[in-house]
Amino acid sequence: MKKNKKNKNLWLKESEIAVGDLYFTTANQYRAVLAMKGGFLIYAPSLEGMEPLRSDSKMPFDNSPVKKCQIATFAQKEYQPFEWHGVASIKHQLNNAQLAEAIAQCNAKAAIEALLAE
């Protein structure tokens, strides 16, 4: 079976990834960056195949397992622009309440503390 080639044009620039950023992959998976330190980050992934979020939607990370990976690995996924709060962009910045909700939904507090303590 032939492996699909990755479209590097859809990858992120590592230097532009920040805590609180919300991204949407071409597999329709939301990803929220929860913490970063050194070359690693902690993120919350939603299920794949998600419908677009509405402005009044809760964060889509209920009971999602938090993930830790290298920033370079996170960047090398295919991302797409998405509309949220009337703005289409490749990334959207979560406010403090939304970031706290994402952290609570995937129970990421301990994982974040462990990363920041490294």
PDB file of N, CA and C in Angstrom:
ATOM      1  N   MET A   1       0.848  -1.177   0.000  1.00  0.00           N
ATOM      2  CA  MET A   1       0.000   0.000   0.000  1.00  0.00           C
ATOM      3  C   MET A   1       0.894   1.240   0.000  1.00  0.00           C
ATOM      4  N   LYS A   2       0.593   2.164  -0.888  1.00  0.00           N
ATOM      5  CA  LYS A   2       1.381   3.384  -1.004  1.00  0.00           C
ATOM      6  C   LYS A   2       0.987   4.372   0.087  1.00  0.00           C
ATOM      7  N   LYS A   3       1.990   4.930   0.728  1.00  0.00           N
ATOM      8  CA  LYS A   3       1.748   5.893   1.799  1.00  0.00           C
ATOM      9  C   LYS A   3       1.489   7.275   1.191  1.00  0.00           C
ATOM     10  N   ASN A   4       0.475   7.969   1.723  1.00  0.00           N
ATOM     11  CA  ASN A   4       0.196   9.318   1.246  1.00  0.00           C
ATOM     12  C   ASN A   4       1.334  10.246   1.627  1.00  0.00           C
ATOM     13  N   LYS A   5       1.739  11.086   0.667  1.00  0.00           N
ATOM     14  CA  LYS A   5       2.784  12.067   0.955  1.00  0.00           C
ATOM     15  C   LYS A   5       2.204  13.191   1.780  1.00  0.00           C
ATOM     16  N   LYS A   6       2.987  13.655   2.744  1.00  0.00           N
ATOM     17  CA  LYS A   6       2.546  14.776   3.567  1.00  0.00           C
ATOM     18  C   LYS A   6       2.748  16.073   2.796  1.00  0.00           C
ATOM     19  N   ASN A   7       1.798  16.971   2.939  1.00  0.00           N
ATOM     20  CA  ASN A   7       1.878  18.275   2.302  1.00  0.00           C
ATOM     21  C   ASN A   7       2.561  19.237   3.273  1.00  0.00           C
ATOM     22  N   LYS A   8       3.846  19.470   3.064  1.00  0.00           N
ATOM     23  CA  LYS A   8       4.623  20.314   3.973  1.00  0.00           C
ATOM     24  C   LYS A   8       4.134  21.758   3.982  1.00  0.00           C
ATOM     25  N   ASN A   9       3.391  22.159   2.962  1.00  0.00           N
ATOM     26  CA  ASN A   9       2.834  23.516   2.940  1.00  0.00           C
ATOM     27  C   ASN A   9       1.786  23.710   4.031  1.00  0.00           C
ATOM     28  N   LEU A  10       1.247  22.613   4.562  1.00  0.00           N
ATOM     29  CA  LEU A  10       0.220  22.688   5.603  1.00  0.00           C
ATOM     30  C   LEU A  10       0.812  22.552   7.002  1.00  0.00           C
ATOM     31  N   TRP A  11       2.137  22.429   7.095  1.00  0.00           N
ATOM     32  CA  TRP A  11       2.802  22.327   8.393  1.00  0.00           C
ATOM     33  C   TRP A  11       2.897  23.703   9.037  1.00  0.00           C
ATOM     34  N   LEU A  12       3.075  23.715  10.335  1.00  0.00           N
ATOM     35  CA  LEU A  12       3.244  24.963  11.080  1.00  0.00           C
ATOM     36  C   LEU A  12       4.723  25.322  11.174  1.00  0.00           C
ATOM     37  N   LYS A  13       4.996  26.592  11.414  1.00  0.00           N
ATOM     38  CA  LYS A  13       6.354  27.023  11.738  1.00  0.00           C
ATOM     39  C   LYS A  13       6.514  26.863  13.248  1.00  0.00           C
ATOM     40  N   GLU A  14       7.531  26.132  13.663  1.00  0.00           N
ATOM     41  CA  GLU A  14       7.742  25.871  15.093  1.00  0.00           C
ATOM     42  C   GLU A  14       7.785  27.156  15.909  1.00  0.00           C
ATOM     43  N   SER A  15       8.403  28.189  15.357  1.00  0.00           N
ATOM     44  CA  SER A  15       8.576  29.450  16.089  1.00  0.00           C
ATOM     45  C   SER A  15       7.266  30.192  16.319  1.00  0.00           C
ATOM     46  N   GLU A  16       6.214  29.831  15.599  1.00  0.00           N
ATOM     47  CA  GLU A  16       4.930  30.523  15.715  1.00  0.00           C
ATOM     48  C   GLU A  16       3.938  29.800  16.627  1.00  0.00           C
ATOM     49  N   ILE A  17       4.308  28.643  17.158  1.00  0.00           N
ATOM     50  CA  ILE A  17       3.426  27.885  18.050  1.00  0.00           C
ATOM     51  C   ILE A  17       3.541  28.466  19.451  1.00  0.00           C
ATOM     52  N   ALA A  18       2.397  28.705  20.104  1.00  0.00           N
ATOM     53  CA  ALA A  18       2.403  29.303  21.442  1.00  0.00           C
ATOM     54  C   ALA A  18       1.342  28.657  22.328  1.00  0.00           C
ATOM     55  N   VAL A  19       1.548  28.773  23.630  1.00  0.00           N
ATOM     56  CA  VAL A  19       0.568  28.281  24.600  1.00  0.00           C
ATOM     57  C   VAL A  19      -0.747  29.026  24.382  1.00  0.00           C
ATOM     58  N   GLY A  20      -1.838  28.270  24.372  1.00  0.00           N
ATOM     59  CA  GLY A  20      -3.156  28.853  24.176  1.00  0.00           C
ATOM     60  C   GLY A  20      -3.619  28.864  22.733  1.00  0.00           C
ATOM     61  N   ASP A  21      -2.774  28.414  21.813  1.00  0.00           N
ATOM     62  CA  ASP A  21      -3.175  28.352  20.407  1.00  0.00           C
ATOM     63  C   ASP A  21      -4.101  27.158  20.185  1.00  0.00           C
ATOM     64  N   LEU A  22      -5.118  27.367  19.364  1.00  0.00           N
ATOM     65  CA  LEU A  22      -6.044  26.311  18.957  1.00  0.00           C
ATOM     66  C   LEU A  22      -5.869  26.096  17.467  1.00  0.00           C
ATOM     67  N   TYR A  23      -5.632  24.846  17.073  1.00  0.00           N
ATOM     68  CA  TYR A  23      -5.415  24.485  15.674  1.00  0.00           C
ATOM     69  C   TYR A  23      -6.447  23.443  15.247  1.00  0.00           C
ATOM     70  N   PHE A  24      -6.580  23.249  13.922  1.00  0.00           N
ATOM     71  CA  PHE A  24      -7.520  22.291  13.346  1.00  0.00           C
ATOM     72  C   PHE A  24      -6.787  21.534  12.245  1.00  0.00           C
ATOM     73  N   THR A  25      -6.652  20.218  12.386  1.00  0.00           N
ATOM     74  CA  THR A  25      -5.919  19.421  11.400  1.00  0.00           C
ATOM     75  C   THR A  25      -6.807  19.098  10.199  1.00  0.00           C
ATOM     76  N   THR A  26      -6.175  18.593   9.149  1.00  0.00           N
ATOM     77  CA  THR A  26      -6.941  18.189   7.970  1.00  0.00           C
ATOM     78  C   THR A  26      -7.773  16.939   8.245  1.00  0.00           C
ATOM     79  N   ALA A  27      -7.534  16.273   9.384  1.00  0.00           N
ATOM     80  CA  ALA A  27      -8.366  15.141   9.819  1.00  0.00           C
ATOM     81  C   ALA A  27      -9.530  15.640  10.687  1.00  0.00           C
ATOM     82  N   ASN A  28      -9.742  16.960  10.683  1.00  0.00           N
ATOM     83  CA  ASN A  28     -10.805  17.607  11.473  1.00  0.00           C
ATOM     84  C   ASN A  28     -10.667  17.306  12.965  1.00  0.00           C
ATOM     85  N   GLN A  29      -9.454  17.457  13.452  1.00  0.00           N
ATOM     86  CA  GLN A  29      -9.148  17.291  14.873  1.00  0.00           C
ATOM     87  C   GLN A  29      -8.665  18.640  15.412  1.00  0.00           C
ATOM     88  N   TYR A  30      -9.304  19.078  16.494  1.00  0.00           N
ATOM     89  CA  TYR A  30      -8.833  20.289  17.171  1.00  0.00           C
ATOM     90  C   TYR A  30      -7.681  19.923  18.083  1.00  0.00           C
ATOM     91  N   ARG A  31      -6.714  20.832  18.189  1.00  0.00           N
ATOM     92  CA  ARG A  31      -5.570  20.652  19.083  1.00  0.00           C
ATOM     93  C   ARG A  31      -5.307  21.975  19.787  1.00  0.00           C
ATOM     94  N   ALA A  32      -5.293  21.945  21.113  1.00  0.00           N
ATOM     95  CA  ALA A  32      -5.008  23.140  21.909  1.00  0.00           C
ATOM     96  C   ALA A  32      -3.668  22.958  22.607  1.00  0.00           C
ATOM     97  N   VAL A  33      -2.766  23.921  22.420  1.00  0.00           N
ATOM     98  CA  VAL A  33      -1.460  23.886  23.074  1.00  0.00           C
ATOM     99  C   VAL A  33      -1.646  24.385  24.505  1.00  0.00           C
ATOM    100  N   LEU A  34      -1.332  23.520  25.485  1.00  0.00           N
ATOM    101  CA  LEU A  34      -1.580  23.824  26.891  1.00  0.00           C
ATOM    102  C   LEU A  34      -0.339  24.297  27.638  1.00  0.00           C
ATOM    103  N   ALA A  35       0.838  23.847  27.223  1.00  0.00           N
ATOM    104  CA  ALA A  35       2.080  24.241  27.894  1.00  0.00           C
ATOM    105  C   ALA A  35       3.256  23.944  26.967  1.00  0.00           C
ATOM    106  N   MET A  36       4.339  24.708  27.148  1.00  0.00           N
ATOM    107  CA  MET A  36       5.558  24.494  26.373  1.00  0.00           C
ATOM    108  C   MET A  36       6.764  24.731  27.276  1.00  0.00           C
ATOM    109  N   LYS A  37       7.787  23.908  27.081  1.00  0.00           N
ATOM    110  CA  LYS A  37       9.061  24.138  27.766  1.00  0.00           C
ATOM    111  C   LYS A  37      10.147  23.432  26.978  1.00  0.00           C
ATOM    112  N   GLY A  38      11.226  24.156  26.721  1.00  0.00           N
ATOM    113  CA  GLY A  38      12.301  23.582  25.926  1.00  0.00           C
ATOM    114  C   GLY A  38      11.771  23.226  24.546  1.00  0.00           C
ATOM    115  N   GLY A  39      12.059  22.037  24.092  1.00  0.00           N
ATOM    116  CA  GLY A  39      11.590  21.601  22.779  1.00  0.00           C
ATOM    117  C   GLY A  39      10.320  20.779  22.824  1.00  0.00           C
ATOM    118  N   PHE A  40       9.618  20.792  23.969  1.00  0.00           N
ATOM    119  CA  PHE A  40       8.428  19.958  24.128  1.00  0.00           C
ATOM    120  C   PHE A  40       7.181  20.783  24.411  1.00  0.00           C
ATOM    121  N   LEU A  41       6.046  20.182  24.127  1.00  0.00           N
ATOM    122  CA  LEU A  41       4.772  20.808  24.468  1.00  0.00           C
ATOM    123  C   LEU A  41       3.779  19.761  24.926  1.00  0.00           C
ATOM    124  N   ILE A  42       2.766  20.237  25.629  1.00  0.00           N
ATOM    125  CA  ILE A  42       1.623  19.421  26.052  1.00  0.00           C
ATOM    126  C   ILE A  42       0.427  19.976  25.286  1.00  0.00           C
ATOM    127  N   TYR A  43      -0.347  19.078  24.665  1.00  0.00           N
ATOM    128  CA  TYR A  43      -1.540  19.550  23.965  1.00  0.00           C
ATOM    129  C   TYR A  43      -2.725  18.640  24.236  1.00  0.00           C
ATOM    130  N   ALA A  44      -3.901  19.223  24.028  1.00  0.00           N
ATOM    131  CA  ALA A  44      -5.158  18.482  24.157  1.00  0.00           C
ATOM    132  C   ALA A  44      -5.677  18.211  22.752  1.00  0.00           C
ATOM    133  N   PRO A  45      -5.857  16.939  22.387  1.00  0.00           N
ATOM    134  CA  PRO A  45      -6.436  16.615  21.088  1.00  0.00           C
ATOM    135  C   PRO A  45      -7.921  16.271  21.219  1.00  0.00           C
ATOM    136  N   SER A  46      -8.703  16.729  20.266  1.00  0.00           N
ATOM    137  CA  SER A  46     -10.105  16.297  20.218  1.00  0.00           C
ATOM    138  C   SER A  46     -10.157  14.991  19.426  1.00  0.00           C
ATOM    139  N   LEU A  47     -11.327  14.441  19.275  1.00  0.00           N
ATOM    140  CA  LEU A  47     -11.509  13.318  18.364  1.00  0.00           C
ATOM    141  C   LEU A  47     -11.314  13.823  16.942  1.00  0.00           C
ATOM    142  N   GLU A  48     -11.017  12.925  16.010  1.00  0.00           N
ATOM    143  CA  GLU A  48     -10.954  13.309  14.602  1.00  0.00           C
ATOM    144  C   GLU A  48     -12.368  13.338  14.039  1.00  0.00           C
ATOM    145  N   GLY A  49     -12.564  14.047  12.939  1.00  0.00           N
ATOM    146  CA  GLY A  49     -13.866  14.123  12.292  1.00  0.00           C
ATOM    147  C   GLY A  49     -14.835  15.066  12.982  1.00  0.00           C
ATOM    148  N   MET A  50     -14.305  16.041  13.707  1.00  0.00           N
ATOM    149  CA  MET A  50     -15.152  16.987  14.449  1.00  0.00           C
ATOM    150  C   MET A  50     -15.861  17.958  13.507  1.00  0.00           C
ATOM    151  N   GLU A  51     -17.051  18.351  13.917  1.00  0.00           N
ATOM    152  CA  GLU A  51     -17.772  19.423  13.236  1.00  0.00           C
ATOM    153  C   GLU A  51     -17.139  20.750  13.664  1.00  0.00           C
ATOM    154  N   PRO A  52     -17.299  21.805  12.859  1.00  0.00           N
ATOM    155  CA  PRO A  52     -16.754  23.110  13.255  1.00  0.00           C
ATOM    156  C   PRO A  52     -17.353  23.583  14.583  1.00  0.00           C
ATOM    157  N   LEU A  53     -16.506  24.206  15.401  1.00  0.00           N
ATOM    158  CA  LEU A  53     -16.966  24.765  16.674  1.00  0.00           C
ATOM    159  C   LEU A  53     -17.798  26.012  16.421  1.00  0.00           C
ATOM    160  N   ARG A  54     -18.842  26.158  17.204  1.00  0.00           N
ATOM    161  CA  ARG A  54     -19.610  27.403  17.176  1.00  0.00           C
ATOM    162  C   ARG A  54     -19.009  28.335  18.219  1.00  0.00           C
ATOM    163  N   SER A  55     -19.329  29.602  18.125  1.00  0.00           N
ATOM    164  CA  SER A  55     -18.794  30.586  19.073  1.00  0.00           C
ATOM    165  C   SER A  55     -19.138  30.239  20.512  1.00  0.00           C
ATOM    166  N   ASP A  56     -20.320  29.643  20.725  1.00  0.00           N
ATOM    167  CA  ASP A  56     -20.761  29.336  22.086  1.00  0.00           C
ATOM    168  C   ASP A  56     -20.454  27.888  22.503  1.00  0.00           C
ATOM    169  N   SER A  57     -19.696  27.177  21.685  1.00  0.00           N
ATOM    170  CA  SER A  57     -19.372  25.777  21.985  1.00  0.00           C
ATOM    171  C   SER A  57     -18.409  25.662  23.154  1.00  0.00           C
ATOM    172  N   LYS A  58     -18.567  24.562  23.911  1.00  0.00           N
ATOM    173  CA  LYS A  58     -17.564  24.208  24.915  1.00  0.00           C
ATOM    174  C   LYS A  58     -16.323  23.723  24.172  1.00  0.00           C
ATOM    175  N   MET A  59     -15.201  23.724  24.843  1.00  0.00           N
ATOM    176  CA  MET A  59     -13.987  23.162  24.260  1.00  0.00           C
ATOM    177  C   MET A  59     -14.241  21.667  24.002  1.00  0.00           C
ATOM    178  N   PRO A  60     -13.705  21.118  22.893  1.00  0.00           N
ATOM    179  CA  PRO A  60     -14.019  19.734  22.490  1.00  0.00           C
ATOM    180  C   PRO A  60     -13.058  18.673  23.027  1.00  0.00           C
ATOM    181  N   PHE A  61     -12.596  18.831  24.272  1.00  0.00           N
ATOM    182  CA  PHE A  61     -11.567  17.929  24.779  1.00  0.00           C
ATOM    183  C   PHE A  61     -12.016  17.067  25.950  1.00  0.00           C
ATOM    184  N   ASP A  62     -13.327  16.894  26.153  1.00  0.00           N
ATOM    185  CA  ASP A  62     -13.828  16.092  27.271  1.00  0.00           C
ATOM    186  C   ASP A  62     -13.196  14.708  27.285  1.00  0.00           C
ATOM    187  N   ASN A  63     -12.524  14.383  28.383  1.00  0.00           N
ATOM    188  CA  ASN A  63     -11.908  13.068  28.606  1.00  0.00           C
ATOM    189  C   ASN A  63     -10.872  12.671  27.555  1.00  0.00           C
ATOM    190  N   SER A  64     -10.320  13.654  26.838  1.00  0.00           N
ATOM    191  CA  SER A  64      -9.255  13.357  25.879  1.00  0.00           C
ATOM    192  C   SER A  64      -7.955  13.117  26.634  1.00  0.00           C
ATOM    193  N   PRO A  65      -7.162  12.154  26.192  1.00  0.00           N
ATOM    194  CA  PRO A  65      -5.865  11.959  26.848  1.00  0.00           C
ATOM    195  C   PRO A  65      -4.913  13.073  26.423  1.00  0.00           C
ATOM    196  N   VAL A  66      -4.309  13.738  27.390  1.00  0.00           N
ATOM    197  CA  VAL A  66      -3.362  14.801  27.085  1.00  0.00           C
ATOM    198  C   VAL A  66      -2.131  14.175  26.431  1.00  0.00           C
ATOM    199  N   LYS A  67      -1.497  14.887  25.513  1.00  0.00           N
ATOM    200  CA  LYS A  67      -0.342  14.354  24.785  1.00  0.00           C
ATOM    201  C   LYS A  67       0.870  15.252  25.003  1.00  0.00           C
ATOM    202  N   LYS A  68       2.031  14.625  25.082  1.00  0.00           N
ATOM    203  CA  LYS A  68       3.300  15.354  25.147  1.00  0.00           C
ATOM    204  C   LYS A  68       4.099  14.954  23.921  1.00  0.00           C
ATOM    205  N   CYS A  69       4.669  15.927  23.233  1.00  0.00           N
ATOM    206  CA  CYS A  69       5.503  15.615  22.083  1.00  0.00           C
ATOM    207  C   CYS A  69       6.495  16.746  21.845  1.00  0.00           C
ATOM    208  N   GLN A  70       7.424  16.503  20.942  1.00  0.00           N
ATOM    209  CA  GLN A  70       8.353  17.554  20.554  1.00  0.00           C
ATOM    210  C   GLN A  70       7.596  18.589  19.731  1.00  0.00           C
ATOM    211  N   ILE A  71       7.992  19.836  19.876  1.00  0.00           N
ATOM    212  CA  ILE A  71       7.345  20.913  19.126  1.00  0.00           C
ATOM    213  C   ILE A  71       7.468  20.641  17.630  1.00  0.00           C
ATOM    214  N   ALA A  72       8.621  20.134  17.194  1.00  0.00           N
ATOM    215  CA  ALA A  72       8.827  19.834  15.773  1.00  0.00           C
ATOM    216  C   ALA A  72       7.831  18.793  15.273  1.00  0.00           C
ATOM    217  N   THR A  73       7.560  17.785  16.081  1.00  0.00           N
ATOM    218  CA  THR A  73       6.602  16.741  15.700  1.00  0.00           C
ATOM    219  C   THR A  73       5.196  17.317  15.590  1.00  0.00           C
ATOM    220  N   PHE A  74       4.814  18.150  16.554  1.00  0.00           N
ATOM    221  CA  PHE A  74       3.499  18.797  16.535  1.00  0.00           C
ATOM    222  C   PHE A  74       3.348  19.649  15.272  1.00  0.00           C
ATOM    223  N   ALA A  75       4.398  20.353  14.893  1.00  0.00           N
ATOM    224  CA  ALA A  75       4.350  21.246  13.731  1.00  0.00           C
ATOM    225  C   ALA A  75       4.191  20.475  12.426  1.00  0.00           C
ATOM    226  N   GLN A  76       4.676  19.228  12.383  1.00  0.00           N
ATOM    227  CA  GLN A  76       4.684  18.462  11.145  1.00  0.00           C
ATOM    228  C   GLN A  76       3.418  17.647  10.931  1.00  0.00           C
ATOM    229  N   LYS A  77       2.320  18.197  11.306  1.00  0.00           N
ATOM    230  CA  LYS A  77       0.997  17.629  11.040  1.00  0.00           C
ATOM    231  C   LYS A  77       0.359  18.574  10.022  1.00  0.00           C
ATOM    232  N   GLU A  78      -0.582  18.101   9.256  1.00  0.00           N
ATOM    233  CA  GLU A  78      -1.236  18.964   8.274  1.00  0.00           C
ATOM    234  C   GLU A  78      -2.390  19.711   8.932  1.00  0.00           C
ATOM    235  N   TYR A  79      -2.290  21.034   8.940  1.00  0.00           N
ATOM    236  CA  TYR A  79      -3.290  21.902   9.559  1.00  0.00           C
ATOM    237  C   TYR A  79      -4.019  22.690   8.488  1.00  0.00           C
ATOM    238  N   GLN A  80      -5.225  23.116   8.829  1.00  0.00           N
ATOM    239  CA  GLN A  80      -6.031  23.891   7.887  1.00  0.00           C
ATOM    240  C   GLN A  80      -6.653  25.084   8.604  1.00  0.00           C
ATOM    241  N   PRO A  81      -6.909  26.166   7.854  1.00  0.00           N
ATOM    242  CA  PRO A  81      -7.607  27.304   8.457  1.00  0.00           C
ATOM    243  C   PRO A  81      -9.024  26.890   8.843  1.00  0.00           C
ATOM    244  N   PHE A  82      -9.545  27.524   9.891  1.00  0.00           N
ATOM    245  CA  PHE A  82     -10.923  27.274  10.295  1.00  0.00           C
ATOM    246  C   PHE A  82     -11.516  28.564  10.827  1.00  0.00           C
ATOM    247  N   GLU A  83     -12.837  28.636  10.759  1.00  0.00           N
ATOM    248  CA  GLU A  83     -13.527  29.843  11.211  1.00  0.00           C
ATOM    249  C   GLU A  83     -14.003  29.660  12.642  1.00  0.00           C
ATOM    250  N   TRP A  84     -13.743  30.665  13.459  1.00  0.00           N
ATOM    251  CA  TRP A  84     -14.179  30.661  14.853  1.00  0.00           C
ATOM    252  C   TRP A  84     -14.388  32.101  15.266  1.00  0.00           C
ATOM    253  N   HIS A  85     -15.507  32.386  15.847  1.00  0.00           N
ATOM    254  CA  HIS A  85     -15.881  33.752  16.244  1.00  0.00           C
ATOM    255  C   HIS A  85     -15.820  34.707  15.052  1.00  0.00           C
ATOM    256  N   GLY A  86     -16.207  34.207  13.881  1.00  0.00           N
ATOM    257  CA  GLY A  86     -16.288  35.040  12.687  1.00  0.00           C
ATOM    258  C   GLY A  86     -14.965  35.337  12.005  1.00  0.00           C
ATOM    259  N   VAL A  87     -13.890  34.689  12.442  1.00  0.00           N
ATOM    260  CA  VAL A  87     -12.569  34.925  11.859  1.00  0.00           C
ATOM    261  C   VAL A  87     -12.011  33.602  11.343  1.00  0.00           C
ATOM    262  N   ALA A  88     -11.549  33.594  10.093  1.00  0.00           N
ATOM    263  CA  ALA A  88     -10.909  32.408   9.528  1.00  0.00           C
ATOM    264  C   ALA A  88      -9.398  32.561   9.670  1.00  0.00           C
ATOM    265  N   SER A  89      -8.754  31.558  10.260  1.00  0.00           N
ATOM    266  CA  SER A  89      -7.311  31.611  10.485  1.00  0.00           C
ATOM    267  C   SER A  89      -6.783  30.195  10.695  1.00  0.00           C
ATOM    268  N   ILE A  90      -5.475  30.018  10.526  1.00  0.00           N
ATOM    269  CA  ILE A  90      -4.843  28.721  10.772  1.00  0.00           C
ATOM    270  C   ILE A  90      -4.784  28.429  12.266  1.00  0.00           C
ATOM    271  N   LYS A  91      -4.774  29.498  13.094  1.00  0.00           N
ATOM    272  CA  LYS A  91      -4.783  29.310  14.546  1.00  0.00           C
ATOM    273  C   LYS A  91      -5.600  30.411  15.194  1.00  0.00           C
ATOM    274  N   HIS A  92      -6.137  30.077  16.346  1.00  0.00           N
ATOM    275  CA  HIS A  92      -6.913  31.038  17.139  1.00  0.00           C
ATOM    276  C   HIS A  92      -6.377  30.993  18.562  1.00  0.00           C
ATOM    277  N   GLN A  93      -6.300  32.141  19.206  1.00  0.00           N
ATOM    278  CA  GLN A  93      -5.793  32.227  20.577  1.00  0.00           C
ATOM    279  C   GLN A  93      -6.953  32.046  21.546  1.00  0.00           C
ATOM    280  N   LEU A  94      -6.820  31.079  22.447  1.00  0.00           N
ATOM    281  CA  LEU A  94      -7.826  30.863  23.482  1.00  0.00           C
ATOM    282  C   LEU A  94      -7.679  31.934  24.556  1.00  0.00           C
ATOM    283  N   ASN A  95      -8.802  32.355  25.132  1.00  0.00           N
ATOM    284  CA  ASN A  95      -8.708  33.260  26.278  1.00  0.00           C
ATOM    285  C   ASN A  95      -8.421  32.417  27.527  1.00  0.00           C
ATOM    286  N   ASN A  96      -8.178  33.075  28.652  1.00  0.00           N
ATOM    287  CA  ASN A  96      -7.805  32.348  29.877  1.00  0.00           C
ATOM    288  C   ASN A  96      -8.866  31.340  30.304  1.00  0.00           C
ATOM    289  N   ALA A  97     -10.141  31.705  30.182  1.00  0.00           N
ATOM    290  CA  ALA A  97     -11.226  30.799  30.579  1.00  0.00           C
ATOM    291  C   ALA A  97     -11.278  29.572  29.664  1.00  0.00           C
ATOM    292  N   GLN A  98     -11.095  29.777  28.362  1.00  0.00           N
ATOM    293  CA  GLN A  98     -11.115  28.657  27.418  1.00  0.00           C
ATOM    294  C   GLN A  98      -9.918  27.736  27.638  1.00  0.00           C
ATOM    295  N   LEU A  99      -8.749  28.321  27.906  1.00  0.00           N
ATOM    296  CA  LEU A  99      -7.561  27.518  28.179  1.00  0.00           C
ATOM    297  C   LEU A  99      -7.755  26.703  29.459  1.00  0.00           C
ATOM    298  N   ALA A 100      -8.299  27.327  30.487  1.00  0.00           N
ATOM    299  CA  ALA A 100      -8.572  26.617  31.748  1.00  0.00           C
ATOM    300  C   ALA A 100      -9.579  25.492  31.529  1.00  0.00           C
ATOM    301  N   GLU A 101     -10.587  25.729  30.690  1.00  0.00           N
ATOM    302  CA  GLU A 101     -11.583  24.696  30.385  1.00  0.00           C
ATOM    303  C   GLU A 101     -10.928  23.510  29.675  1.00  0.00           C
ATOM    304  N   ALA A 102     -10.060  23.783  28.701  1.00  0.00           N
ATOM    305  CA  ALA A 102      -9.375  22.710  27.978  1.00  0.00           C
ATOM    306  C   ALA A 102      -8.499  21.891  28.929  1.00  0.00           C
ATOM    307  N   ILE A 103      -7.778  22.572  29.822  1.00  0.00           N
ATOM    308  CA  ILE A 103      -6.922  21.881  30.793  1.00  0.00           C
ATOM    309  C   ILE A 103      -7.764  20.997  31.710  1.00  0.00           C
ATOM    310  N   ALA A 104      -8.893  21.511  32.166  1.00  0.00           N
ATOM    311  CA  ALA A 104      -9.774  20.744  33.056  1.00  0.00           C
ATOM    312  C   ALA A 104     -10.405  19.556  32.335  1.00  0.00           C
ATOM    313  N   GLN A 105     -10.839  19.757  31.084  1.00  0.00           N
ATOM    314  CA  GLN A 105     -11.511  18.688  30.345  1.00  0.00           C
ATOM    315  C   GLN A 105     -10.620  17.465  30.161  1.00  0.00           C
ATOM    316  N   CYS A 106      -9.339  17.672  29.940  1.00  0.00           N
ATOM    317  CA  CYS A 106      -8.456  16.520  29.709  1.00  0.00           C
ATOM    318  C   CYS A 106      -7.571  16.230  30.915  1.00  0.00           C
ATOM    319  N   ASN A 107      -7.894  16.844  32.044  1.00  0.00           N
ATOM    320  CA  ASN A 107      -7.192  16.575  33.300  1.00  0.00           C
ATOM    321  C   ASN A 107      -5.676  16.699  33.122  1.00  0.00           C
ATOM    322  N   ALA A 108      -5.242  17.832  32.570  1.00  0.00           N
ATOM    323  CA  ALA A 108      -3.847  18.016  32.179  1.00  0.00           C
ATOM    324  C   ALA A 108      -2.970  18.684  33.223  1.00  0.00           C
ATOM    325  N   LYS A 109      -3.531  19.070  34.354  1.00  0.00           N
ATOM    326  CA  LYS A 109      -2.766  19.847  35.335  1.00  0.00           C
ATOM    327  C   LYS A 109      -1.474  19.146  35.759  1.00  0.00           C
ATOM    328  N   ALA A 110      -1.537  17.872  36.099  1.00  0.00           N
ATOM    329  CA  ALA A 110      -0.347  17.135  36.551  1.00  0.00           C
ATOM    330  C   ALA A 110       0.689  17.017  35.434  1.00  0.00           C
ATOM    331  N   ALA A 111       0.246  16.756  34.209  1.00  0.00           N
ATOM    332  CA  ALA A 111       1.171  16.635  33.081  1.00  0.00           C
ATOM    333  C   ALA A 111       1.867  17.965  32.808  1.00  0.00           C
ATOM    334  N   ILE A 112       1.129  19.060  32.924  1.00  0.00           N
ATOM    335  CA  ILE A 112       1.708  20.390  32.716  1.00  0.00           C
ATOM    336  C   ILE A 112       2.732  20.689  33.809  1.00  0.00           C
ATOM    337  N   GLU A 113       2.374  20.402  35.054  1.00  0.00           N
ATOM    338  CA  GLU A 113       3.303  20.630  36.167  1.00  0.00           C
ATOM    339  C   GLU A 113       4.581  19.815  35.996  1.00  0.00           C
ATOM    340  N   ALA A 114       4.451  18.572  35.530  1.00  0.00           N
ATOM    341  CA  ALA A 114       5.623  17.718  35.315  1.00  0.00           C
ATOM    342  C   ALA A 114       6.523  18.291  34.218  1.00  0.00           C
ATOM    343  N   LEU A 115       5.932  18.763  33.127  1.00  0.00           N
ATOM    344  CA  LEU A 115       6.722  19.352  32.040  1.00  0.00           C
ATOM    345  C   LEU A 115       7.442  20.602  32.522  1.00  0.00           C
ATOM    346  N   LEU A 116       6.747  21.466  33.215  1.00  0.00           N
ATOM    347  CA  LEU A 116       7.341  22.725  33.663  1.00  0.00           C
ATOM    348  C   LEU A 116       8.411  22.511  34.733  1.00  0.00           C
ATOM    349  N   ALA A 117       8.361  21.372  35.430  1.00  0.00           N
ATOM    350  CA  ALA A 117       9.350  21.066  36.463  1.00  0.00           C
ATOM    351  C   ALA A 117      10.625  20.436  35.887  1.00  0.00           C
ATOM    352  N   GLU A 118      10.579  20.021  34.630  1.00  0.00           N
ATOM    353  CA  GLU A 118      11.747  19.362  34.006  1.00  0.00           C
ATOM    354  C   GLU A 118      12.898  20.335  33.836  1.00  0.00           C
TER     355      GLU A 118
END
